Amino acid sequence: MSREMPDTGGAAALLRDVRVLRQGRVVLDVPLLEIVRGEFLGVIGPNGSGKSTLLAVLAGRLGCGGGQALVPGSGKGGRGRVALAPQMSALDPRLPISVLESVMVGAYAELGPLRRPGPEVRARARELLTLVGIAHLQDRPIGRCSGGEAQRAAIARALLQRPDVLLLDEPTSALDWRAQREILECVRDIHARLGLTTVMVTHELNSLPVLCTRVLALRQGRPQWLGPAAQALEPERLAAIFDVPFTVLSHQDRPVVLF
C-alpha cells in the first residue's frame, strides 16, 4: 500500500485495485475510486457491503491487499490529514472522563501517547465543542451523554486532528428523529464552514440530495454506482443495490424514499 508523497492528481483521495479479504472472503474490491477535493461523498449499501471497510482503508487503519490507497498527508508522514468519527454505540456510564477530555483524546494522534495535551489543545477542544453545539456539556461524564451528544463529541474529537478529509461512519445510527436531523445539520454546516472533503456512510437515503455532492453505492464489497446525489434515488437503482422494491415520491421538489 502506497501512502508516501502520493500523486493523486489533485484529488483528496485515490484508490486503485484495493482488495480487502477477511477469512478468505472478499469484503472490499475497488478497482478505482477518486474522491474529489471539497466534495461531500455519501456511501450507501446493505449491511456487510464494505462501507465501514472502505472508511478504514481511507483512514489508514487497514491494508488494501497490494493495491494503492493514495491519501495525501495520511499515515506516518502526515498525521491529522484524515480523521474518522466512528459510529457511537452505547457507552459505559462509569467512564471516568468528561466530554471535553474525550475530545482531547484526538490530540494523541499528533502528540503521541506519552505527552499530555496542553492549554492550546484544551482551548481548541472547547472551540470545537461550541462548533458541534455541546459546549454546555464539556464537564459531563461522556458515559452519561445521549447517543446524539456522544456522536457530536466524536465528531469534535476527529476535528481536533485538523483533517482535510473527514470520514463519518453512520453518524445518525440508533438516534431518534430529532437527533438525526440535528446531527445531519451539524455535519452539513461543518463541511461548509471548514471547507472539508467529507465521506459519510449512511442508511439515511432521504438525506443524500440535501447533503451530498455525489453518492457511491456498494454491494458485496464492490462499487455498483457512482454519480450525482440528485440521481441516486431512482427506484430501480435502489432496488438493484438493496434487493428490495422502493417507491420514490416528490415532496417540496425533493425526492422522498419509501419502501
C-alpha atoms as a PDB file:
ATOM      1  CA  MET A   1       0.000   0.000   0.000  1.00  0.00           C
ATOM      2  CA  SER A   2       1.442   3.345  -1.023  1.00  0.00           C
ATOM      3  CA  ARG A   3       0.977   6.343   1.268  1.00  0.00           C
ATOM      4  CA  GLU A   4       4.205   8.342   0.992  1.00  0.00           C
ATOM      5  CA  MET A   5       4.149  11.516  -1.142  1.00  0.00           C
ATOM      6  CA  PRO A   6       1.291  10.224  -3.313  1.00  0.00           C
ATOM      7  CA  ASP A   7       0.383  11.691  -6.683  1.00  0.00           C
ATOM      8  CA  THR A   8      -3.394  11.903  -6.702  1.00  0.00           C
ATOM      9  CA  GLY A   9      -3.710  14.450  -9.477  1.00  0.00           C
ATOM     10  CA  GLY A  10      -5.256  16.956  -7.072  1.00  0.00           C
ATOM     11  CA  ALA A  11      -7.867  14.549  -5.704  1.00  0.00           C
ATOM     12  CA  ALA A  12      -8.458  14.288  -1.963  1.00  0.00           C
ATOM     13  CA  ALA A  13      -8.011  10.504  -2.182  1.00  0.00           C
ATOM     14  CA  LEU A  14      -7.483   7.892  -4.856  1.00  0.00           C
ATOM     15  CA  LEU A  15      -7.976   4.134  -4.528  1.00  0.00           C
ATOM     16  CA  ARG A  16      -6.596   1.735  -7.143  1.00  0.00           C
ATOM     17  CA  ASP A  17      -7.039  -2.024  -7.154  1.00  0.00           C
ATOM     18  CA  VAL A  18      -7.940  -2.089  -3.454  1.00  0.00           C
ATOM     19  CA  ARG A  19      -8.885  -5.607  -2.392  1.00  0.00           C
ATOM     20  CA  VAL A  20      -9.536  -6.500   1.240  1.00  0.00           C
ATOM     21  CA  LEU A  21     -10.104 -10.093   2.334  1.00  0.00           C
ATOM     22  CA  ARG A  22     -11.395 -11.326   5.673  1.00  0.00           C
ATOM     23  CA  GLN A  23     -11.119 -15.047   6.425  1.00  0.00           C
ATOM     24  CA  GLY A  24     -10.660 -15.700   2.730  1.00  0.00           C
ATOM     25  CA  ARG A  25     -13.749 -13.713   1.716  1.00  0.00           C
ATOM     26  CA  VAL A  26     -13.570 -10.505  -0.311  1.00  0.00           C
ATOM     27  CA  VAL A  27     -15.117  -7.699   1.769  1.00  0.00           C
ATOM     28  CA  LEU A  28     -13.962  -4.797  -0.423  1.00  0.00           C
ATOM     29  CA  ASP A  29     -12.939  -4.785  -4.084  1.00  0.00           C
ATOM     30  CA  VAL A  30     -12.490  -1.309  -5.585  1.00  0.00           C
ATOM     31  CA  PRO A  31     -10.735  -1.114  -8.970  1.00  0.00           C
ATOM     32  CA  LEU A  32     -10.733   2.699  -8.999  1.00  0.00           C
ATOM     33  CA  LEU A  33     -12.226   5.446  -6.848  1.00  0.00           C
ATOM     34  CA  GLU A  34     -11.307   9.127  -6.973  1.00  0.00           C
ATOM     35  CA  ILE A  35     -12.655  11.338  -4.200  1.00  0.00           C
ATOM     36  CA  VAL A  36     -12.804  14.931  -5.385  1.00  0.00           C
ATOM     37  CA  ARG A  37     -11.315  17.579  -3.125  1.00  0.00           C
ATOM     38  CA  GLY A  38     -14.051  19.526  -1.343  1.00  0.00           C
ATOM     39  CA  GLU A  39     -16.895  17.172  -2.201  1.00  0.00           C
ATOM     40  CA  PHE A  40     -19.378  15.552   0.177  1.00  0.00           C
ATOM     41  CA  LEU A  41     -19.485  11.880  -0.800  1.00  0.00           C
ATOM     42  CA  GLY A  42     -22.266   9.702   0.559  1.00  0.00           C
ATOM     43  CA  VAL A  43     -21.636   5.953   0.744  1.00  0.00           C
ATOM     44  CA  ILE A  44     -24.635   3.617   0.794  1.00  0.00           C
ATOM     45  CA  GLY A  45     -25.290  -0.095   0.566  1.00  0.00           C
ATOM     46  CA  PRO A  46     -26.655  -3.045   2.544  1.00  0.00           C
ATOM     47  CA  ASN A  47     -25.072  -4.148   5.797  1.00  0.00           C
ATOM     48  CA  GLY A  48     -21.881  -6.043   5.075  1.00  0.00           C
ATOM     49  CA  SER A  49     -21.325  -4.358   1.713  1.00  0.00           C
ATOM     50  CA  GLY A  50     -17.923  -2.936   2.664  1.00  0.00           C
ATOM     51  CA  LYS A  51     -18.843   0.610   3.663  1.00  0.00           C
ATOM     52  CA  SER A  52     -17.018   0.706   7.009  1.00  0.00           C
ATOM     53  CA  THR A  53     -14.117  -1.231   5.475  1.00  0.00           C
ATOM     54  CA  LEU A  54     -13.787   1.499   2.854  1.00  0.00           C
ATOM     55  CA  LEU A  55     -13.527   4.119   5.601  1.00  0.00           C
ATOM     56  CA  ALA A  56     -10.911   2.036   7.421  1.00  0.00           C
ATOM     57  CA  VAL A  57      -8.794   1.887   4.257  1.00  0.00           C
ATOM     58  CA  LEU A  58      -9.122   5.642   3.713  1.00  0.00           C
ATOM     59  CA  ALA A  59      -8.176   6.273   7.348  1.00  0.00           C
ATOM     60  CA  GLY A  60      -5.047   4.145   7.003  1.00  0.00           C
ATOM     61  CA  ARG A  61      -6.252   1.661   9.600  1.00  0.00           C
ATOM     62  CA  LEU A  62      -6.478  -1.246   7.191  1.00  0.00           C
ATOM     63  CA  GLY A  63      -4.264  -2.540   4.406  1.00  0.00           C
ATOM     64  CA  CYS A  64      -5.546  -2.846   0.874  1.00  0.00           C
ATOM     65  CA  GLY A  65      -4.197  -6.142  -0.427  1.00  0.00           C
ATOM     66  CA  GLY A  66      -1.410  -4.870  -2.649  1.00  0.00           C
ATOM     67  CA  GLY A  67      -3.459  -2.072  -4.172  1.00  0.00           C
ATOM     68  CA  GLN A  68      -2.992   1.621  -3.564  1.00  0.00           C
ATOM     69  CA  ALA A  69      -4.766   3.939  -1.152  1.00  0.00           C
ATOM     70  CA  LEU A  70      -3.348   7.343  -2.041  1.00  0.00           C
ATOM     71  CA  VAL A  71      -4.347   9.916   0.554  1.00  0.00           C
ATOM     72  CA  PRO A  72      -2.085  12.994   0.740  1.00  0.00           C
ATOM     73  CA  GLY A  73      -0.792  13.515   4.255  1.00  0.00           C
ATOM     74  CA  SER A  74      -2.251  10.341   5.734  1.00  0.00           C
ATOM     75  CA  GLY A  75      -0.281   7.686   7.566  1.00  0.00           C
ATOM     76  CA  LYS A  76       3.013   8.253   9.371  1.00  0.00           C
ATOM     77  CA  GLY A  77       4.169  11.041   7.082  1.00  0.00           C
ATOM     78  CA  GLY A  78       1.219  13.347   7.657  1.00  0.00           C
ATOM     79  CA  ARG A  79      -0.899  12.613  10.688  1.00  0.00           C
ATOM     80  CA  GLY A  80      -4.092  14.512  11.018  1.00  0.00           C
ATOM     81  CA  ARG A  81      -4.938  14.986   7.340  1.00  0.00           C
ATOM     82  CA  VAL A  82      -7.599  12.265   7.512  1.00  0.00           C
ATOM     83  CA  ALA A  83      -9.780  11.733  10.585  1.00  0.00           C
ATOM     84  CA  LEU A  84     -12.502   9.182  11.273  1.00  0.00           C
ATOM     85  CA  ALA A  85     -15.511   9.818  13.508  1.00  0.00           C
ATOM     86  CA  PRO A  86     -16.749   6.305  14.320  1.00  0.00           C
ATOM     87  CA  GLN A  87     -20.304   5.185  14.888  1.00  0.00           C
ATOM     88  CA  MET A  88     -21.018   5.610  18.579  1.00  0.00           C
ATOM     89  CA  SER A  89     -22.633   2.674  20.344  1.00  0.00           C
ATOM     90  CA  ALA A  90     -23.805   2.548  23.942  1.00  0.00           C
ATOM     91  CA  LEU A  91     -21.207   3.971  26.315  1.00  0.00           C
ATOM     92  CA  ASP A  92     -20.491   2.687  29.790  1.00  0.00           C
ATOM     93  CA  PRO A  93     -21.929   5.308  32.197  1.00  0.00           C
ATOM     94  CA  ARG A  94     -18.999   4.601  34.516  1.00  0.00           C
ATOM     95  CA  LEU A  95     -16.456   6.014  32.050  1.00  0.00           C
ATOM     96  CA  PRO A  96     -14.365   8.390  34.165  1.00  0.00           C
ATOM     97  CA  ILE A  97     -13.651  11.084  31.554  1.00  0.00           C
ATOM     98  CA  SER A  98     -15.572  14.220  30.702  1.00  0.00           C
ATOM     99  CA  VAL A  99     -16.874  15.245  27.293  1.00  0.00           C
ATOM    100  CA  LEU A 100     -14.013  17.747  26.995  1.00  0.00           C
ATOM    101  CA  GLU A 101     -11.431  15.118  27.885  1.00  0.00           C
ATOM    102  CA  SER A 102     -12.922  12.692  25.363  1.00  0.00           C
ATOM    103  CA  VAL A 103     -12.454  15.293  22.629  1.00  0.00           C
ATOM    104  CA  MET A 104      -8.864  15.957  23.698  1.00  0.00           C
ATOM    105  CA  VAL A 105      -8.076  12.281  23.089  1.00  0.00           C
ATOM    106  CA  GLY A 106      -7.945  13.284  19.422  1.00  0.00           C
ATOM    107  CA  ALA A 107      -4.699  15.148  20.088  1.00  0.00           C
ATOM    108  CA  TYR A 108      -2.776  11.972  20.904  1.00  0.00           C
ATOM    109  CA  ALA A 109      -2.517  11.090  17.201  1.00  0.00           C
ATOM    110  CA  GLU A 110      -0.146  14.058  16.903  1.00  0.00           C
ATOM    111  CA  LEU A 111       1.342  14.248  20.395  1.00  0.00           C
ATOM    112  CA  GLY A 112       1.928  10.552  20.940  1.00  0.00           C
ATOM    113  CA  PRO A 113       0.755   8.547  23.959  1.00  0.00           C
ATOM    114  CA  LEU A 114       3.365   9.877  26.410  1.00  0.00           C
ATOM    115  CA  ARG A 115       2.641  13.618  26.096  1.00  0.00           C
ATOM    116  CA  ARG A 116      -0.338  15.286  27.708  1.00  0.00           C
ATOM    117  CA  PRO A 117      -2.365  17.886  25.795  1.00  0.00           C
ATOM    118  CA  GLY A 118      -1.570  21.434  26.863  1.00  0.00           C
ATOM    119  CA  PRO A 119      -3.630  24.643  27.145  1.00  0.00           C
ATOM    120  CA  GLU A 120      -3.738  25.188  23.378  1.00  0.00           C
ATOM    121  CA  VAL A 121      -5.283  21.771  22.805  1.00  0.00           C
ATOM    122  CA  ARG A 122      -7.796  22.353  25.590  1.00  0.00           C
ATOM    123  CA  ALA A 123      -8.797  25.705  24.091  1.00  0.00           C
ATOM    124  CA  ARG A 124      -9.162  24.162  20.639  1.00  0.00           C
ATOM    125  CA  ALA A 125     -11.287  21.337  22.063  1.00  0.00           C
ATOM    126  CA  ARG A 126     -13.600  23.893  23.687  1.00  0.00           C
ATOM    127  CA  GLU A 127     -13.933  25.731  20.371  1.00  0.00           C
ATOM    128  CA  LEU A 128     -14.927  22.513  18.654  1.00  0.00           C
ATOM    129  CA  LEU A 129     -17.479  21.674  21.325  1.00  0.00           C
ATOM    130  CA  THR A 130     -19.030  25.053  20.571  1.00  0.00           C
ATOM    131  CA  LEU A 131     -18.936  24.273  16.851  1.00  0.00           C
ATOM    132  CA  VAL A 132     -20.809  20.981  17.309  1.00  0.00           C
ATOM    133  CA  GLY A 133     -23.257  22.542  19.759  1.00  0.00           C
ATOM    134  CA  ILE A 134     -22.410  20.862  23.075  1.00  0.00           C
ATOM    135  CA  ALA A 135     -20.120  23.362  24.807  1.00  0.00           C
ATOM    136  CA  HIS A 136     -22.506  23.330  27.772  1.00  0.00           C
ATOM    137  CA  LEU A 137     -21.752  19.621  28.280  1.00  0.00           C
ATOM    138  CA  GLN A 138     -17.959  19.878  28.492  1.00  0.00           C
ATOM    139  CA  ASP A 139     -17.810  18.748  32.133  1.00  0.00           C
ATOM    140  CA  ARG A 140     -20.422  15.995  31.867  1.00  0.00           C
ATOM    141  CA  PRO A 141     -19.095  12.413  32.008  1.00  0.00           C
ATOM    142  CA  ILE A 142     -19.105  11.135  28.426  1.00  0.00           C
ATOM    143  CA  GLY A 143     -20.785   7.914  29.551  1.00  0.00           C
ATOM    144  CA  ARG A 144     -23.843   9.889  30.674  1.00  0.00           C
ATOM    145  CA  CYS A 145     -24.400  11.557  27.310  1.00  0.00           C
ATOM    146  CA  SER A 146     -27.184  10.675  24.927  1.00  0.00           C
ATOM    147  CA  GLY A 147     -26.360   8.986  21.643  1.00  0.00           C
ATOM    148  CA  GLY A 148     -26.583  12.248  19.735  1.00  0.00           C
ATOM    149  CA  GLU A 149     -24.400  14.074  22.249  1.00  0.00           C
ATOM    150  CA  ALA A 150     -21.791  11.312  22.156  1.00  0.00           C
ATOM    151  CA  GLN A 151     -21.787  11.428  18.346  1.00  0.00           C
ATOM    152  CA  ARG A 152     -21.198  15.182  18.390  1.00  0.00           C
ATOM    153  CA  ALA A 153     -18.281  14.634  20.767  1.00  0.00           C
ATOM    154  CA  ALA A 154     -16.860  12.014  18.387  1.00  0.00           C
ATOM    155  CA  ILE A 155     -17.060  14.478  15.503  1.00  0.00           C
ATOM    156  CA  ALA A 156     -15.323  17.141  17.594  1.00  0.00           C
ATOM    157  CA  ARG A 157     -12.612  14.619  18.509  1.00  0.00           C
ATOM    158  CA  ALA A 158     -11.997  13.924  14.817  1.00  0.00           C
ATOM    159  CA  LEU A 159     -11.913  17.644  14.011  1.00  0.00           C
ATOM    160  CA  LEU A 160      -9.284  18.204  16.696  1.00  0.00           C
ATOM    161  CA  GLN A 161      -6.869  16.441  14.332  1.00  0.00           C
ATOM    162  CA  ARG A 162      -7.390  19.307  11.838  1.00  0.00           C
ATOM    163  CA  PRO A 163      -8.254  16.983   8.951  1.00  0.00           C
ATOM    164  CA  ASP A 164      -8.659  17.875   5.322  1.00  0.00           C
ATOM    165  CA  VAL A 165     -10.735  14.715   4.873  1.00  0.00           C
ATOM    166  CA  LEU A 166     -13.426  13.880   7.449  1.00  0.00           C
ATOM    167  CA  LEU A 167     -14.782  10.328   7.499  1.00  0.00           C
ATOM    168  CA  LEU A 168     -18.148   9.687   9.175  1.00  0.00           C
ATOM    169  CA  ASP A 169     -19.381   6.162   9.872  1.00  0.00           C
ATOM    170  CA  GLU A 170     -23.183   6.203  10.202  1.00  0.00           C
ATOM    171  CA  PRO A 171     -23.354   9.308  12.419  1.00  0.00           C
ATOM    172  CA  THR A 172     -27.146   9.012  12.836  1.00  0.00           C
ATOM    173  CA  SER A 173     -27.262   5.315  13.726  1.00  0.00           C
ATOM    174  CA  ALA A 174     -29.730   4.472  16.533  1.00  0.00           C
ATOM    175  CA  LEU A 175     -30.725   8.121  17.055  1.00  0.00           C
ATOM    176  CA  ASP A 176     -34.269   9.448  17.312  1.00  0.00           C
ATOM    177  CA  TRP A 177     -35.690  11.631  14.544  1.00  0.00           C
ATOM    178  CA  ARG A 178     -34.792  14.946  16.149  1.00  0.00           C
ATOM    179  CA  ALA A 179     -31.242  13.866  16.964  1.00  0.00           C
ATOM    180  CA  GLN A 180     -30.790  12.539  13.417  1.00  0.00           C
ATOM    181  CA  ARG A 181     -31.834  15.844  11.915  1.00  0.00           C
ATOM    182  CA  GLU A 182     -29.619  17.830  14.274  1.00  0.00           C
ATOM    183  CA  ILE A 183     -26.570  15.660  13.550  1.00  0.00           C
ATOM    184  CA  LEU A 184     -27.064  15.928   9.788  1.00  0.00           C
ATOM    185  CA  GLU A 185     -27.443  19.701  10.016  1.00  0.00           C
ATOM    186  CA  CYS A 186     -24.300  19.838  12.164  1.00  0.00           C
ATOM    187  CA  VAL A 187     -22.346  17.765   9.636  1.00  0.00           C
ATOM    188  CA  ARG A 188     -23.550  19.904   6.731  1.00  0.00           C
ATOM    189  CA  ASP A 189     -22.538  23.127   8.482  1.00  0.00           C
ATOM    190  CA  ILE A 190     -19.097  21.780   9.461  1.00  0.00           C
ATOM    191  CA  HIS A 191     -18.409  20.619   5.909  1.00  0.00           C
ATOM    192  CA  ALA A 192     -19.234  24.062   4.520  1.00  0.00           C
ATOM    193  CA  ARG A 193     -17.620  26.145   7.251  1.00  0.00           C
ATOM    194  CA  LEU A 194     -14.304  24.285   7.376  1.00  0.00           C
ATOM    195  CA  GLY A 195     -14.043  23.558   3.658  1.00  0.00           C
ATOM    196  CA  LEU A 196     -13.549  19.841   4.212  1.00  0.00           C
ATOM    197  CA  THR A 197     -13.756  16.832   1.968  1.00  0.00           C
ATOM    198  CA  THR A 198     -16.355  14.664   3.703  1.00  0.00           C
ATOM    199  CA  VAL A 199     -17.102  10.976   3.198  1.00  0.00           C
ATOM    200  CA  MET A 200     -20.172   9.731   5.087  1.00  0.00           C
ATOM    201  CA  VAL A 201     -21.503   6.196   5.335  1.00  0.00           C
ATOM    202  CA  THR A 202     -25.243   6.350   5.898  1.00  0.00           C
ATOM    203  CA  HIS A 203     -28.537   4.490   5.683  1.00  0.00           C
ATOM    204  CA  GLU A 204     -30.465   7.791   5.650  1.00  0.00           C
ATOM    205  CA  LEU A 205     -31.274   7.794   1.946  1.00  0.00           C
ATOM    206  CA  ASN A 206     -33.503  10.858   2.099  1.00  0.00           C
ATOM    207  CA  SER A 207     -30.586  12.967   3.330  1.00  0.00           C
ATOM    208  CA  LEU A 208     -28.449  12.276   0.248  1.00  0.00           C
ATOM    209  CA  PRO A 209     -29.767  15.018  -2.092  1.00  0.00           C
ATOM    210  CA  VAL A 210     -29.613  17.574   0.734  1.00  0.00           C
ATOM    211  CA  LEU A 211     -26.093  16.846   1.959  1.00  0.00           C
ATOM    212  CA  CYS A 212     -24.090  15.136  -0.726  1.00  0.00           C
ATOM    213  CA  THR A 213     -22.348  16.121  -3.918  1.00  0.00           C
ATOM    214  CA  ARG A 214     -22.056  12.518  -5.124  1.00  0.00           C
ATOM    215  CA  VAL A 215     -23.102   9.080  -3.922  1.00  0.00           C
ATOM    216  CA  LEU A 216     -21.201   5.792  -4.059  1.00  0.00           C
ATOM    217  CA  ALA A 217     -23.261   2.601  -3.795  1.00  0.00           C
ATOM    218  CA  LEU A 218     -21.578  -0.615  -2.662  1.00  0.00           C
ATOM    219  CA  ARG A 219     -22.903  -4.158  -2.851  1.00  0.00           C
ATOM    220  CA  GLN A 220     -20.989  -7.250  -1.744  1.00  0.00           C
ATOM    221  CA  GLY A 221     -17.858  -5.142  -1.402  1.00  0.00           C
ATOM    222  CA  ARG A 222     -17.924  -3.785  -4.950  1.00  0.00           C
ATOM    223  CA  PRO A 223     -18.959  -0.390  -6.339  1.00  0.00           C
ATOM    224  CA  GLN A 224     -22.313  -0.620  -8.108  1.00  0.00           C
ATOM    225  CA  TRP A 225     -22.881   3.024  -8.933  1.00  0.00           C
ATOM    226  CA  LEU A 226     -21.169   6.401  -8.505  1.00  0.00           C
ATOM    227  CA  GLY A 227     -22.795   9.614  -9.588  1.00  0.00           C
ATOM    228  CA  PRO A 228     -24.505  12.887  -8.663  1.00  0.00           C
ATOM    229  CA  ALA A 229     -26.588  12.786  -5.498  1.00  0.00           C
ATOM    230  CA  ALA A 230     -29.577  14.138  -7.420  1.00  0.00           C
ATOM    231  CA  GLN A 231     -29.632  10.918  -9.460  1.00  0.00           C
ATOM    232  CA  ALA A 232     -29.019   8.481  -6.608  1.00  0.00           C
ATOM    233  CA  LEU A 233     -32.621   7.985  -5.526  1.00  0.00           C
ATOM    234  CA  GLU A 234     -34.016   6.259  -8.584  1.00  0.00           C
ATOM    235  CA  PRO A 235     -36.277   3.318  -7.601  1.00  0.00           C
ATOM    236  CA  GLU A 236     -34.720   0.798  -9.982  1.00  0.00           C
ATOM    237  CA  ARG A 237     -31.214   1.744  -8.897  1.00  0.00           C
ATOM    238  CA  LEU A 238     -32.032   1.428  -5.192  1.00  0.00           C
ATOM    239  CA  ALA A 239     -33.814  -1.888  -5.745  1.00  0.00           C
ATOM    240  CA  ALA A 240     -30.759  -3.307  -7.506  1.00  0.00           C
ATOM    241  CA  ILE A 241     -28.499  -2.203  -4.649  1.00  0.00           C
ATOM    242  CA  PHE A 242     -30.648  -3.263  -1.679  1.00  0.00           C
ATOM    243  CA  ASP A 243     -32.627  -6.097  -3.297  1.00  0.00           C
ATOM    244  CA  VAL A 244     -35.996  -4.732  -2.123  1.00  0.00           C
ATOM    245  CA  PRO A 245     -38.576  -2.621  -4.020  1.00  0.00           C
ATOM    246  CA  PHE A 246     -38.617   1.137  -3.452  1.00  0.00           C
ATOM    247  CA  THR A 247     -41.049   3.930  -4.187  1.00  0.00           C
ATOM    248  CA  VAL A 248     -39.708   7.457  -4.622  1.00  0.00           C
ATOM    249  CA  LEU A 249     -42.112  10.394  -4.358  1.00  0.00           C
ATOM    250  CA  SER A 250     -41.559  14.108  -4.839  1.00  0.00           C
ATOM    251  CA  HIS A 251     -42.229  16.428  -1.902  1.00  0.00           C
ATOM    252  CA  GLN A 252     -41.365  20.131  -1.997  1.00  0.00           C
ATOM    253  CA  ASP A 253     -39.182  19.474  -5.048  1.00  0.00           C
ATOM    254  CA  ARG A 254     -37.209  16.820  -3.180  1.00  0.00           C
ATOM    255  CA  PRO A 255     -37.279  13.033  -3.639  1.00  0.00           C
ATOM    256  CA  VAL A 256     -38.603  11.037  -0.688  1.00  0.00           C
ATOM    257  CA  VAL A 257     -37.832   7.327  -0.470  1.00  0.00           C
ATOM    258  CA  LEU A 258     -40.493   4.853   0.685  1.00  0.00           C
ATOM    259  CA  PHE A 259     -40.028   1.102   0.977  1.00  0.00           C
END
